[in-house]
Protein backbone atom coordinates (compact mmCIF):
# COMPACT_ATOMS: atom_id res chain seq x y z
CA UNK A 1 0.00 0.00 0.00
CA UNK A 2 1.33 3.39 -0.90
CA UNK A 3 0.68 6.69 0.82
CA UNK A 4 -1.59 7.06 3.82
CA UNK A 5 -3.91 4.02 3.84
CA UNK A 6 -7.63 4.32 4.49
CA UNK A 7 -9.17 2.70 7.56
CA UNK A 8 -10.53 -0.15 5.43
CA UNK A 9 -7.03 -0.89 4.08
CA UNK A 10 -5.63 -0.98 7.61
CA UNK A 11 -8.47 -3.32 8.62
CA UNK A 12 -7.54 -5.71 5.79
CA UNK A 13 -3.97 -5.85 7.06
CA UNK A 14 -5.22 -6.46 10.59
CA UNK A 15 -7.26 -9.44 9.35
CA UNK A 16 -4.31 -10.78 7.35
CA UNK A 17 -2.03 -10.57 10.37
CA UNK A 18 -4.41 -12.64 12.49
CA UNK A 19 -4.60 -15.33 9.81
CA UNK A 20 -0.81 -15.50 9.34
CA UNK A 21 -0.05 -15.50 13.08
CA UNK A 22 -2.54 -18.35 13.64
CA UNK A 23 -0.90 -20.32 10.82
CA UNK A 24 2.64 -19.88 12.17
CA UNK A 25 1.68 -20.60 15.78
CA UNK A 26 0.18 -23.91 14.64
CA UNK A 27 3.54 -25.03 13.18
CA UNK A 28 6.22 -26.93 15.10
CA UNK A 29 9.11 -24.76 16.25
CA UNK A 30 12.40 -25.59 17.90
CA UNK A 31 11.90 -25.36 21.70
CA UNK A 32 12.69 -21.87 22.96
CA UNK A 33 13.09 -20.52 19.42
CA UNK A 34 9.83 -18.70 18.81
CA UNK A 35 8.31 -15.49 20.06
CA UNK A 36 5.35 -13.26 19.33
CA UNK A 37 3.94 -9.80 20.04
CA UNK A 38 7.23 -7.92 20.43
CA UNK A 39 6.75 -4.15 20.14
CA UNK A 40 9.14 -2.38 17.79
CA UNK A 41 7.81 1.09 18.59
CA UNK A 42 4.65 3.07 17.92
CA UNK A 43 2.41 1.26 15.40
CA UNK A 44 4.94 -1.54 14.94
CA UNK A 45 5.30 -5.11 16.17
CA UNK A 46 7.02 -8.39 15.40
CA UNK A 47 3.90 -10.55 15.33
CA UNK A 48 5.76 -13.85 15.19
CA UNK A 49 9.33 -15.07 14.76
CA UNK A 50 10.54 -18.63 14.93
CA UNK A 51 13.22 -21.14 13.94
CA UNK A 52 12.23 -24.72 13.19
CA UNK A 53 14.22 -27.89 13.90
CA UNK A 54 15.92 -27.72 10.47
CA UNK A 55 17.16 -24.17 11.10
CA UNK A 56 14.70 -22.42 8.78
CA UNK A 57 13.39 -19.13 10.15
CA UNK A 58 10.42 -16.84 9.63
CA UNK A 59 9.50 -13.38 10.90
CA UNK A 60 6.13 -11.70 10.48
CA UNK A 61 5.95 -8.00 11.34
CA UNK A 62 3.48 -5.18 10.97
CA UNK A 63 3.73 -1.41 11.00
CA UNK A 64 1.39 1.50 10.41
CA UNK A 65 -1.47 -0.19 12.26
CA UNK A 66 -2.91 1.12 15.54
CA UNK A 67 -2.10 -1.66 17.98
CA UNK A 68 -3.57 -2.15 21.44
CA UNK A 69 -0.66 -0.38 23.18
CA UNK A 70 -1.05 2.56 20.77
CA UNK A 71 -4.78 2.84 21.43
CA UNK A 72 -4.20 2.68 25.19
CA UNK A 73 -1.71 5.54 24.91
CA UNK A 74 -4.14 7.58 22.78
CA UNK A 75 -1.98 7.27 19.63
CA UNK A 76 -3.32 6.57 16.17
CA UNK A 77 -1.47 4.75 13.40
CA UNK A 78 0.76 6.80 11.14
CA UNK A 79 2.82 6.09 8.07
CA UNK A 80 2.40 3.38 5.49
CA UNK A 81 0.57 0.26 6.60
CA UNK A 82 2.81 -2.75 6.03
CA UNK A 83 2.58 -6.46 6.72
CA UNK A 84 5.98 -8.00 6.08
CA UNK A 85 7.06 -11.62 6.09
CA UNK A 86 10.73 -12.56 5.96
CA UNK A 87 12.04 -16.08 5.76
CA UNK A 88 15.32 -17.89 5.51
CA UNK A 89 16.07 -21.41 4.43
CA UNK A 90 18.57 -21.69 7.23
CA UNK A 91 20.00 -19.59 10.01
CA UNK A 92 22.32 -22.40 11.02
CA UNK A 93 23.56 -22.99 7.46
CA UNK A 94 23.21 -19.53 5.99
CA UNK A 95 21.71 -18.82 2.56
CA UNK A 96 24.48 -16.36 1.76
CA UNK A 97 28.21 -16.87 1.64
CA UNK A 98 30.94 -14.35 2.34
CA UNK A 99 33.03 -13.66 -0.72
CA UNK A 100 36.70 -13.36 0.09
CA UNK A 101 38.53 -10.56 -1.66
C-alpha atoms as a PDB file:
ATOM      1  CA  UNK A   1       0.000   0.000   0.000  1.00  0.00           C
ATOM      2  CA  UNK A   2       1.330   3.388  -0.899  1.00  0.00           C
ATOM      3  CA  UNK A   3       0.679   6.690   0.823  1.00  0.00           C
ATOM      4  CA  UNK A   4      -1.594   7.063   3.825  1.00  0.00           C
ATOM      5  CA  UNK A   5      -3.905   4.021   3.841  1.00  0.00           C
ATOM      6  CA  UNK A   6      -7.634   4.324   4.490  1.00  0.00           C
ATOM      7  CA  UNK A   7      -9.166   2.702   7.555  1.00  0.00           C
ATOM      8  CA  UNK A   8     -10.526  -0.147   5.429  1.00  0.00           C
ATOM      9  CA  UNK A   9      -7.028  -0.890   4.082  1.00  0.00           C
ATOM     10  CA  UNK A  10      -5.627  -0.975   7.610  1.00  0.00           C
ATOM     11  CA  UNK A  11      -8.469  -3.316   8.615  1.00  0.00           C
ATOM     12  CA  UNK A  12      -7.545  -5.710   5.791  1.00  0.00           C
ATOM     13  CA  UNK A  13      -3.973  -5.851   7.065  1.00  0.00           C
ATOM     14  CA  UNK A  14      -5.217  -6.455  10.590  1.00  0.00           C
ATOM     15  CA  UNK A  15      -7.255  -9.439   9.350  1.00  0.00           C
ATOM     16  CA  UNK A  16      -4.306 -10.779   7.348  1.00  0.00           C
ATOM     17  CA  UNK A  17      -2.026 -10.566  10.374  1.00  0.00           C
ATOM     18  CA  UNK A  18      -4.410 -12.639  12.494  1.00  0.00           C
ATOM     19  CA  UNK A  19      -4.597 -15.330   9.807  1.00  0.00           C
ATOM     20  CA  UNK A  20      -0.812 -15.498   9.345  1.00  0.00           C
ATOM     21  CA  UNK A  21      -0.050 -15.501  13.083  1.00  0.00           C
ATOM     22  CA  UNK A  22      -2.540 -18.348  13.638  1.00  0.00           C
ATOM     23  CA  UNK A  23      -0.901 -20.319  10.821  1.00  0.00           C
ATOM     24  CA  UNK A  24       2.639 -19.877  12.169  1.00  0.00           C
ATOM     25  CA  UNK A  25       1.683 -20.605  15.784  1.00  0.00           C
ATOM     26  CA  UNK A  26       0.180 -23.912  14.642  1.00  0.00           C
ATOM     27  CA  UNK A  27       3.536 -25.033  13.179  1.00  0.00           C
ATOM     28  CA  UNK A  28       6.218 -26.935  15.095  1.00  0.00           C
ATOM     29  CA  UNK A  29       9.109 -24.761  16.248  1.00  0.00           C
ATOM     30  CA  UNK A  30      12.401 -25.587  17.896  1.00  0.00           C
ATOM     31  CA  UNK A  31      11.900 -25.360  21.700  1.00  0.00           C
ATOM     32  CA  UNK A  32      12.685 -21.871  22.965  1.00  0.00           C
ATOM     33  CA  UNK A  33      13.088 -20.518  19.420  1.00  0.00           C
ATOM     34  CA  UNK A  34       9.828 -18.697  18.806  1.00  0.00           C
ATOM     35  CA  UNK A  35       8.305 -15.485  20.060  1.00  0.00           C
ATOM     36  CA  UNK A  36       5.350 -13.256  19.328  1.00  0.00           C
ATOM     37  CA  UNK A  37       3.935  -9.799  20.041  1.00  0.00           C
ATOM     38  CA  UNK A  38       7.234  -7.916  20.428  1.00  0.00           C
ATOM     39  CA  UNK A  39       6.748  -4.152  20.141  1.00  0.00           C
ATOM     40  CA  UNK A  40       9.145  -2.382  17.793  1.00  0.00           C
ATOM     41  CA  UNK A  41       7.814   1.091  18.593  1.00  0.00           C
ATOM     42  CA  UNK A  42       4.647   3.073  17.917  1.00  0.00           C
ATOM     43  CA  UNK A  43       2.407   1.262  15.403  1.00  0.00           C
ATOM     44  CA  UNK A  44       4.938  -1.542  14.937  1.00  0.00           C
ATOM     45  CA  UNK A  45       5.297  -5.107  16.167  1.00  0.00           C
ATOM     46  CA  UNK A  46       7.015  -8.392  15.399  1.00  0.00           C
ATOM     47  CA  UNK A  47       3.903 -10.550  15.325  1.00  0.00           C
ATOM     48  CA  UNK A  48       5.760 -13.846  15.190  1.00  0.00           C
ATOM     49  CA  UNK A  49       9.326 -15.066  14.764  1.00  0.00           C
ATOM     50  CA  UNK A  50      10.544 -18.630  14.925  1.00  0.00           C
ATOM     51  CA  UNK A  51      13.216 -21.137  13.944  1.00  0.00           C
ATOM     52  CA  UNK A  52      12.232 -24.719  13.186  1.00  0.00           C
ATOM     53  CA  UNK A  53      14.223 -27.886  13.905  1.00  0.00           C
ATOM     54  CA  UNK A  54      15.921 -27.722  10.474  1.00  0.00           C
ATOM     55  CA  UNK A  55      17.163 -24.168  11.103  1.00  0.00           C
ATOM     56  CA  UNK A  56      14.696 -22.419   8.780  1.00  0.00           C
ATOM     57  CA  UNK A  57      13.390 -19.127  10.145  1.00  0.00           C
ATOM     58  CA  UNK A  58      10.415 -16.839   9.633  1.00  0.00           C
ATOM     59  CA  UNK A  59       9.502 -13.377  10.898  1.00  0.00           C
ATOM     60  CA  UNK A  60       6.134 -11.699  10.480  1.00  0.00           C
ATOM     61  CA  UNK A  61       5.954  -8.002  11.341  1.00  0.00           C
ATOM     62  CA  UNK A  62       3.484  -5.183  10.968  1.00  0.00           C
ATOM     63  CA  UNK A  63       3.729  -1.408  11.002  1.00  0.00           C
ATOM     64  CA  UNK A  64       1.393   1.502  10.407  1.00  0.00           C
ATOM     65  CA  UNK A  65      -1.474  -0.191  12.263  1.00  0.00           C
ATOM     66  CA  UNK A  66      -2.912   1.121  15.545  1.00  0.00           C
ATOM     67  CA  UNK A  67      -2.103  -1.661  17.982  1.00  0.00           C
ATOM     68  CA  UNK A  68      -3.570  -2.149  21.443  1.00  0.00           C
ATOM     69  CA  UNK A  69      -0.656  -0.383  23.177  1.00  0.00           C
ATOM     70  CA  UNK A  70      -1.050   2.560  20.766  1.00  0.00           C
ATOM     71  CA  UNK A  71      -4.777   2.838  21.431  1.00  0.00           C
ATOM     72  CA  UNK A  72      -4.204   2.675  25.188  1.00  0.00           C
ATOM     73  CA  UNK A  73      -1.708   5.542  24.913  1.00  0.00           C
ATOM     74  CA  UNK A  74      -4.135   7.576  22.784  1.00  0.00           C
ATOM     75  CA  UNK A  75      -1.983   7.268  19.634  1.00  0.00           C
ATOM     76  CA  UNK A  76      -3.318   6.569  16.168  1.00  0.00           C
ATOM     77  CA  UNK A  77      -1.470   4.748  13.397  1.00  0.00           C
ATOM     78  CA  UNK A  78       0.755   6.797  11.136  1.00  0.00           C
ATOM     79  CA  UNK A  79       2.820   6.094   8.070  1.00  0.00           C
ATOM     80  CA  UNK A  80       2.397   3.384   5.494  1.00  0.00           C
ATOM     81  CA  UNK A  81       0.567   0.263   6.603  1.00  0.00           C
ATOM     82  CA  UNK A  82       2.808  -2.752   6.026  1.00  0.00           C
ATOM     83  CA  UNK A  83       2.580  -6.457   6.715  1.00  0.00           C
ATOM     84  CA  UNK A  84       5.985  -8.004   6.077  1.00  0.00           C
ATOM     85  CA  UNK A  85       7.057 -11.625   6.085  1.00  0.00           C
ATOM     86  CA  UNK A  86      10.727 -12.563   5.957  1.00  0.00           C
ATOM     87  CA  UNK A  87      12.039 -16.084   5.756  1.00  0.00           C
ATOM     88  CA  UNK A  88      15.321 -17.889   5.512  1.00  0.00           C
ATOM     89  CA  UNK A  89      16.072 -21.411   4.432  1.00  0.00           C
ATOM     90  CA  UNK A  90      18.569 -21.687   7.231  1.00  0.00           C
ATOM     91  CA  UNK A  91      19.997 -19.588  10.006  1.00  0.00           C
ATOM     92  CA  UNK A  92      22.321 -22.398  11.020  1.00  0.00           C
ATOM     93  CA  UNK A  93      23.561 -22.985   7.464  1.00  0.00           C
ATOM     94  CA  UNK A  94      23.213 -19.527   5.988  1.00  0.00           C
ATOM     95  CA  UNK A  95      21.705 -18.821   2.560  1.00  0.00           C
ATOM     96  CA  UNK A  96      24.482 -16.360   1.757  1.00  0.00           C
ATOM     97  CA  UNK A  97      28.209 -16.872   1.639  1.00  0.00           C
ATOM     98  CA  UNK A  98      30.941 -14.354   2.337  1.00  0.00           C
ATOM     99  CA  UNK A  99      33.027 -13.656  -0.725  1.00  0.00           C
ATOM    100  CA  UNK A 100      36.700 -13.363   0.093  1.00  0.00           C
ATOM    101  CA  UNK A 101      38.526 -10.565  -1.665  1.00  0.00           C
END
